[in-house]
C-alpha atoms as a PDB file:
ATOM      1  CA  MET A   1     153.634  64.599  12.202  1.00  0.00           C
ATOM      2  CA  PRO A   2     157.088  62.880  10.757  1.00  0.00           C
ATOM      3  CA  HIS A   3     158.310  63.124  14.645  1.00  0.00           C
ATOM      4  CA  TYR A   4     155.025  61.286  15.956  1.00  0.00           C
ATOM      5  CA  PRO A   5     154.248  58.181  13.788  1.00  0.00           C
ATOM      6  CA  ARG A   6     152.185  56.854  16.447  1.00  0.00           C
ATOM      7  CA  ALA A   7     150.206  59.993  16.913  1.00  0.00           C
ATOM      8  CA  SER A   8     146.214  60.443  16.940  1.00  0.00           C
ATOM      9  CA  PHE A   9     144.163  63.497  16.673  1.00  0.00           C
ATOM     10  CA  ALA A  10     140.657  63.290  17.724  1.00  0.00           C
ATOM     11  CA  VAL A  11     137.650  66.266  17.583  1.00  0.00           C
ATOM     12  CA  LEU A  12     135.286  65.432  20.065  1.00  0.00           C
ATOM     13  CA  ASP A  13     132.187  67.387  20.520  1.00  0.00           C
ATOM     14  CA  VAL A  14     130.583  68.387  23.779  1.00  0.00           C
ATOM     15  CA  ALA A  15     134.482  67.313  25.131  1.00  0.00           C
ATOM     16  CA  GLY A  16     135.577  69.586  28.262  1.00  0.00           C
ATOM     17  CA  HIS A  17     139.172  69.117  30.060  1.00  0.00           C
ATOM     18  CA  ASN A  18     138.227  66.365  32.017  1.00  0.00           C
ATOM     19  CA  LEU A  19     137.345  64.109  29.380  1.00  0.00           C
ATOM     20  CA  PRO A  20     138.426  60.434  31.987  1.00  0.00           C
ATOM     21  CA  ILE A  21     136.094  61.667  34.505  1.00  0.00           C
ATOM     22  CA  GLU A  22     133.372  63.169  32.025  1.00  0.00           C
ATOM     23  CA  GLN A  23     133.321  60.771  29.556  1.00  0.00           C
ATOM     24  CA  PRO A  24     135.374  57.555  30.667  1.00  0.00           C
ATOM     25  CA  GLU A  25     134.073  55.012  27.799  1.00  0.00           C
ATOM     26  CA  LEU A  26     135.318  57.608  24.807  1.00  0.00           C
ATOM     27  CA  PHE A  27     138.149  57.934  26.447  1.00  0.00           C
ATOM     28  CA  GLY A  28     138.892  54.250  27.325  1.00  0.00           C
ATOM     29  CA  ALA A  29     138.215  53.381  23.867  1.00  0.00           C
ATOM     30  CA  LEU A  30     140.451  56.061  22.475  1.00  0.00           C
ATOM     31  CA  VAL A  31     143.264  54.849  24.197  1.00  0.00           C
ATOM     32  CA  LEU A  32     142.894  51.118  23.752  1.00  0.00           C
ATOM     33  CA  GLU A  33     142.355  51.950  19.974  1.00  0.00           C
ATOM     34  CA  TRP A  34     145.608  53.686  20.296  1.00  0.00           C
ATOM     35  CA  LEU A  35     147.675  51.668  22.468  1.00  0.00           C
ATOM     36  CA  ASP A  36     146.453  48.063  19.892  1.00  0.00           C
ATOM     37  CA  ARG A  37     148.279  50.332  16.756  1.00  0.00           C
ATOM     38  CA  VAL A  38     150.949  50.758  18.922  1.00  0.00           C
ATOM     39  CA  THR A  39     151.484  47.334  20.502  1.00  0.00           C
ATOM     40  CA  ALA A  40     150.631  45.818  16.806  1.00  0.00           C
ATOM     41  CA  GLU A  41     153.778  47.647  15.616  1.00  0.00           C
ATOM     42  CA  TRP A  42     156.507  46.413  18.366  1.00  0.00           C
END
């Protein structure tokens, strides 16, 4: 983790290999949350 200080780890129940298509709302929420954290540090 020291090499990836802005990394996220999420365990998703009932998630397949194509999350953006299978669960677009969840995928979008995770990506937006990550982007908020990354841009807040700049």
